[in-house]
Protein backbone atom coordinates (compact mmCIF):
# COMPACT_ATOMS: atom_id res chain seq x y z
CA MET A 1 -156.92 -44.83 30.77
CA THR A 2 -154.45 -43.32 28.31
CA ALA A 3 -154.37 -39.51 28.34
CA ARG A 4 -155.60 -37.78 25.18
CA HIS A 5 -152.24 -36.19 24.41
CA GLU A 6 -150.59 -39.64 24.60
CA GLN A 7 -153.16 -41.01 22.14
CA ILE A 8 -152.47 -38.15 19.73
CA ALA A 9 -148.71 -38.64 20.09
CA ALA A 10 -149.15 -42.34 19.31
CA GLU A 11 -151.18 -41.57 16.17
CA LEU A 12 -148.64 -39.01 14.94
CA ARG A 13 -145.81 -41.43 15.75
CA ARG A 14 -147.43 -44.13 13.63
CA ALA A 15 -147.98 -41.66 10.77
CA ILE A 16 -144.30 -40.67 10.86
CA HIS A 17 -143.19 -44.30 11.03
CA HIS A 18 -145.32 -45.12 7.96
CA GLU A 19 -143.95 -42.01 6.19
CA GLU A 20 -147.29 -40.28 5.92
CA TYR A 21 -145.06 -37.44 7.13
CA PRO A 22 -141.66 -38.22 5.56
CA VAL A 23 -138.34 -36.91 6.83
CA GLY A 24 -138.13 -33.18 6.09
CA ALA A 25 -141.90 -32.72 5.95
CA LEU A 26 -143.72 -30.18 8.10
CA LEU A 27 -146.35 -31.33 10.55
CA PRO A 28 -149.68 -29.50 10.37
CA ALA A 29 -149.93 -26.36 12.48
CA GLU A 30 -151.14 -26.67 16.08
CA THR A 31 -154.50 -25.14 15.15
CA GLU A 32 -154.98 -27.71 12.38
CA LEU A 33 -154.06 -30.61 14.65
CA ALA A 34 -156.31 -29.29 17.41
CA ALA A 35 -159.23 -29.15 14.96
CA GLN A 36 -158.38 -32.57 13.51
CA TYR A 37 -158.39 -34.27 16.92
CA GLY A 38 -161.03 -32.11 18.56
CA VAL A 39 -158.78 -30.96 21.41
CA SER A 40 -157.19 -27.77 22.70
CA ARG A 41 -153.88 -26.44 21.42
CA GLY A 42 -152.42 -27.18 24.86
CA THR A 43 -153.17 -30.88 24.40
CA VAL A 44 -151.55 -30.80 20.95
CA ARG A 45 -148.46 -29.11 22.43
CA GLN A 46 -148.11 -31.94 24.96
CA ALA A 47 -148.28 -34.54 22.18
CA VAL A 48 -145.78 -32.66 20.04
CA ALA A 49 -143.42 -32.22 23.02
CA ALA A 50 -143.31 -36.00 23.46
CA LEU A 51 -142.31 -36.51 19.80
CA THR A 52 -139.69 -33.78 20.10
CA ALA A 53 -138.19 -35.49 23.17
CA GLU A 54 -137.98 -38.72 21.16
CA GLY A 55 -136.04 -36.99 18.37
CA LEU A 56 -138.75 -37.68 15.78
CA ILE A 57 -139.41 -33.99 15.12
CA GLY A 58 -137.58 -30.72 15.64
CA SER A 59 -138.74 -27.16 16.07
CA ARG A 60 -137.65 -23.56 16.45
CA GLN A 61 -139.48 -20.83 18.32
CA GLY A 62 -142.44 -19.77 16.19
CA ALA A 63 -141.75 -22.31 13.45
CA ARG A 64 -143.66 -25.40 12.30
CA ARG A 65 -142.34 -28.79 13.40
CA VAL A 66 -140.14 -30.68 10.94
CA VAL A 67 -139.89 -34.48 10.81
CA LEU A 68 -136.29 -35.48 11.61
CA ALA A 69 -136.44 -39.28 11.79
CA PRO A 70 -138.87 -42.08 10.85
CA ARG A 71 -138.54 -43.98 14.14
CA ARG A 72 -138.05 -43.44 17.85
CA SER A 73 -134.63 -42.23 18.87
CA GLN A 74 -132.58 -41.71 22.00
CA SER A 75 -130.78 -38.44 22.62
CA PHE A 76 -127.35 -38.13 24.20
CA ALA A 77 -128.14 -34.59 25.38
CA GLU A 78 -128.79 -36.03 28.84
CA LEU A 79 -127.88 -39.23 30.66
CA ARG A 80 -130.86 -41.57 30.89
CA SER A 81 -131.19 -45.29 31.34
CA PHE A 82 -133.02 -47.32 28.70
CA ALA A 83 -136.05 -47.68 30.97
CA GLN A 84 -136.14 -43.97 31.80
CA TRP A 85 -135.96 -43.08 28.12
CA ALA A 86 -138.76 -45.53 27.28
CA GLN A 87 -140.93 -44.19 30.08
CA ALA A 88 -140.44 -40.62 28.85
CA MET A 89 -141.84 -41.74 25.49
CA GLY A 90 -144.83 -43.47 27.05
CA ARG A 91 -143.38 -46.87 26.12
CA THR A 92 -142.98 -50.00 28.23
CA ALA A 93 -139.43 -51.21 28.84
CA THR A 94 -138.63 -54.74 29.94
CA GLY A 95 -135.43 -56.37 31.09
CA HIS A 96 -134.40 -59.97 31.64
CA VAL A 97 -131.09 -61.31 32.91
CA VAL A 98 -130.00 -64.10 30.59
CA ALA A 99 -126.84 -64.89 32.58
CA GLN A 100 -124.67 -63.38 35.30
CA GLU A 101 -121.49 -64.45 37.03
CA TYR A 102 -118.57 -63.15 39.02
CA ARG A 103 -115.21 -63.36 37.31
CA PRO A 104 -111.77 -61.77 37.75
CA ALA A 105 -111.45 -58.33 36.14
CA THR A 106 -109.66 -58.48 32.81
CA ALA A 107 -107.13 -55.85 31.75
CA GLU A 108 -109.94 -53.98 29.94
CA ASP A 109 -112.23 -54.19 32.98
CA ALA A 110 -109.43 -52.89 35.20
CA THR A 111 -108.75 -49.94 32.91
CA ARG A 112 -112.38 -48.93 32.48
CA LEU A 113 -113.42 -49.44 36.12
CA HIS A 114 -110.17 -48.23 37.75
CA LEU A 115 -109.69 -51.50 39.60
CA PRO A 116 -106.72 -53.84 40.08
CA GLN A 117 -106.69 -56.60 37.48
CA GLY A 118 -108.15 -59.80 38.93
CA THR A 119 -110.65 -58.01 41.21
CA PRO A 120 -113.93 -60.00 41.29
CA VAL A 121 -116.52 -58.13 39.16
CA LEU A 122 -120.08 -59.01 38.21
CA ASN A 123 -120.64 -59.72 34.53
CA VAL A 124 -124.32 -59.53 33.43
CA LEU A 125 -125.91 -60.43 30.09
CA ARG A 126 -129.30 -58.75 29.89
CA LEU A 127 -131.96 -58.64 27.16
CA ARG A 128 -133.99 -55.45 26.90
CA GLY A 129 -137.37 -55.08 25.25
CA LEU A 130 -139.58 -52.21 24.14
CA ASP A 131 -143.33 -52.80 24.09
CA GLY A 132 -142.68 -56.55 24.16
CA GLU A 133 -140.18 -56.48 21.29
CA PRO A 134 -136.51 -57.42 21.89
CA VAL A 135 -134.34 -54.46 20.89
CA LEU A 136 -131.15 -54.48 22.95
CA VAL A 137 -128.56 -56.89 24.33
CA GLU A 138 -126.49 -55.49 27.20
CA ARG A 139 -123.21 -56.97 28.37
CA THR A 140 -122.41 -55.06 31.52
CA VAL A 141 -119.50 -55.36 33.94
CA TYR A 142 -120.14 -53.84 37.38
CA ALA A 143 -117.42 -52.63 39.74
CA ASP A 144 -116.80 -54.75 42.81
CA TRP A 145 -118.21 -52.17 45.26
CA ILE A 146 -121.67 -52.10 43.59
CA SER A 147 -121.84 -55.73 42.40
CA PRO A 148 -123.61 -57.14 45.52
CA ALA A 149 -126.42 -54.58 45.15
CA VAL A 150 -126.81 -55.42 41.45
CA GLU A 151 -126.83 -59.14 42.19
CA ALA A 152 -129.76 -58.59 44.58
CA VAL A 153 -131.91 -56.93 41.89
CA ASP A 154 -134.75 -59.05 40.49
CA PRO A 155 -133.70 -60.67 37.15
CA ASP A 156 -136.75 -59.19 35.41
CA CYS A 157 -136.38 -55.68 36.83
CA ALA A 158 -137.17 -53.12 34.10
CA SER A 159 -134.90 -50.39 35.51
CA VAL A 160 -131.76 -51.41 37.33
CA THR A 161 -130.78 -47.74 37.50
CA GLN A 162 -133.93 -46.83 39.44
CA ARG A 163 -133.68 -49.90 41.66
CA LEU A 164 -130.08 -49.11 42.62
CA TYR A 165 -131.10 -45.55 43.41
CA ASP A 166 -133.97 -46.79 45.58
CA ASP A 167 -131.83 -49.37 47.37
CA THR A 168 -128.49 -47.57 47.73
CA GLY A 169 -128.97 -43.93 46.69
CA LEU A 170 -126.59 -44.44 43.76
CA VAL A 171 -126.88 -41.82 41.01
CA PHE A 172 -125.48 -42.52 37.54
CA ALA A 173 -124.15 -39.02 36.86
CA HIS A 174 -121.80 -39.16 33.88
CA GLY A 175 -121.52 -41.35 30.80
CA GLU A 176 -118.99 -41.69 28.00
CA HIS A 177 -120.29 -43.36 24.83
CA VAL A 178 -118.51 -44.81 21.81
CA ILE A 179 -120.83 -45.71 18.92
CA ASP A 180 -120.08 -48.01 16.01
CA ALA A 181 -121.60 -50.84 13.97
CA ILE A 182 -121.05 -54.56 14.42
CA SER A 183 -122.37 -57.80 12.90
CA ALA A 184 -124.64 -59.98 15.00
CA GLY A 185 -123.02 -63.16 16.28
CA SER A 186 -124.97 -66.31 17.02
CA GLN A 187 -125.94 -65.29 20.56
CA ASP A 188 -127.04 -61.77 19.63
CA ALA A 189 -128.99 -63.05 16.63
CA ALA A 190 -130.88 -65.57 18.75
CA LEU A 191 -131.70 -63.06 21.50
CA LEU A 192 -132.78 -60.27 19.14
CA ALA A 193 -134.56 -62.52 16.64
CA VAL A 194 -132.44 -61.36 13.70
CA ARG A 195 -130.26 -63.20 11.20
CA ARG A 196 -126.66 -63.91 12.07
CA THR A 197 -124.32 -61.21 10.65
CA SER A 198 -127.20 -58.70 10.62
CA PRO A 199 -125.90 -55.18 11.37
CA LEU A 200 -126.31 -53.99 14.94
CA LEU A 201 -125.71 -50.57 16.44
CA ARG A 202 -123.16 -50.90 19.24
CA VAL A 203 -122.77 -48.41 22.08
CA ARG A 204 -119.88 -48.97 24.46
CA ARG A 205 -120.25 -46.87 27.56
CA VAL A 206 -118.65 -46.20 30.92
CA THR A 207 -120.89 -44.71 33.62
CA THR A 208 -119.61 -42.96 36.72
CA THR A 209 -120.86 -41.26 39.89
CA HIS A 210 -120.79 -37.49 40.43
CA ASP A 211 -117.24 -37.73 41.75
CA GLY A 212 -116.05 -39.75 38.75
CA ARG A 213 -116.00 -43.19 40.34
CA PRO A 214 -116.75 -45.84 37.66
CA VAL A 215 -119.88 -47.88 38.36
CA GLU A 216 -120.10 -50.03 35.24
CA TRP A 217 -118.98 -50.41 31.70
CA SER A 218 -121.17 -51.99 29.06
CA ASP A 219 -121.25 -53.21 25.48
CA ASP A 220 -124.84 -52.52 24.30
CA ARG A 221 -126.06 -53.86 20.96
CA TYR A 222 -129.25 -52.47 19.44
CA ARG A 223 -131.37 -53.61 16.54
CA PRO A 224 -131.01 -50.61 14.20
CA ASP A 225 -134.58 -50.94 12.93
CA ALA A 226 -135.87 -50.40 16.46
CA VAL A 227 -133.81 -47.55 17.92
CA SER A 228 -131.75 -44.65 16.58
CA PHE A 229 -129.73 -42.00 18.36
CA THR A 230 -129.63 -38.22 18.06
CA VAL A 231 -127.09 -35.67 19.21
CA HIS A 232 -128.21 -32.05 19.54
CA ASN A 233 -125.43 -29.49 19.30
CA ALA A 234 -124.96 -25.79 18.79
CA ILE A 235 -122.25 -23.18 18.45
CA GLY A 236 -120.14 -23.37 21.58
CA HIS A 237 -121.68 -26.65 22.72
CA ASN A 238 -120.96 -29.89 20.90
CA PRO A 239 -121.40 -33.14 22.87
CA LEU A 240 -120.40 -35.29 19.89
CA MET A 241 -116.76 -36.15 19.27
CA ARG A 242 -115.53 -38.01 16.18
CA THR A 243 -112.77 -40.57 16.66
CA PRO A 244 -111.28 -43.13 14.23
CA ALA A 245 -112.97 -46.53 14.28
CA GLY A 246 -111.03 -49.24 16.02
């Protein structure tokens, strides 16, 4: 049975998505929401915390919550896999391997994974879904030392990150992300159920272990109507770096 705070979060999420609370608007105070839903303020705080974690709303100590975005978002303030992020929102993530094969590392693979060119690496094309809706195409190249463990993972495993941790103890500790926009090609369009040349949000990332050893590099393409990204920064701490497109 779904917890009451999750039900309230879902209702507020739908209201934000349908712009009953547009971007920049203030949510009702905790006391008002508690009265509206017939629950304690603690239950309301749990619901609001979930929306804050998703990047839909923001808050300051003692201030009312402000709507920041009309749809679910993923923050780069911490390193999380797609499945872990979805689970934190109370959503259901799915994954399906469309194709995978070993091939010799290209010059780009060798540079990103710190391997000799020509080293056999595992190339995986995976379709990700959120609540049954296709939202992400991943093209991931795994380093030779972790490829056999990845190959053994069930093709429909929702969280490869968790499975690799369970099987091998591997922790994805650091990630470097480059974000840009790209037009959907024929394959992406078919997998994501969008028109060819539709805009997609692309995130190219390299993930490493605690000691900096590259595990994988990936070209991830999101439907922009399904997922957005947020970066939280402050004076003295800015995780976002601008670089020229190219």
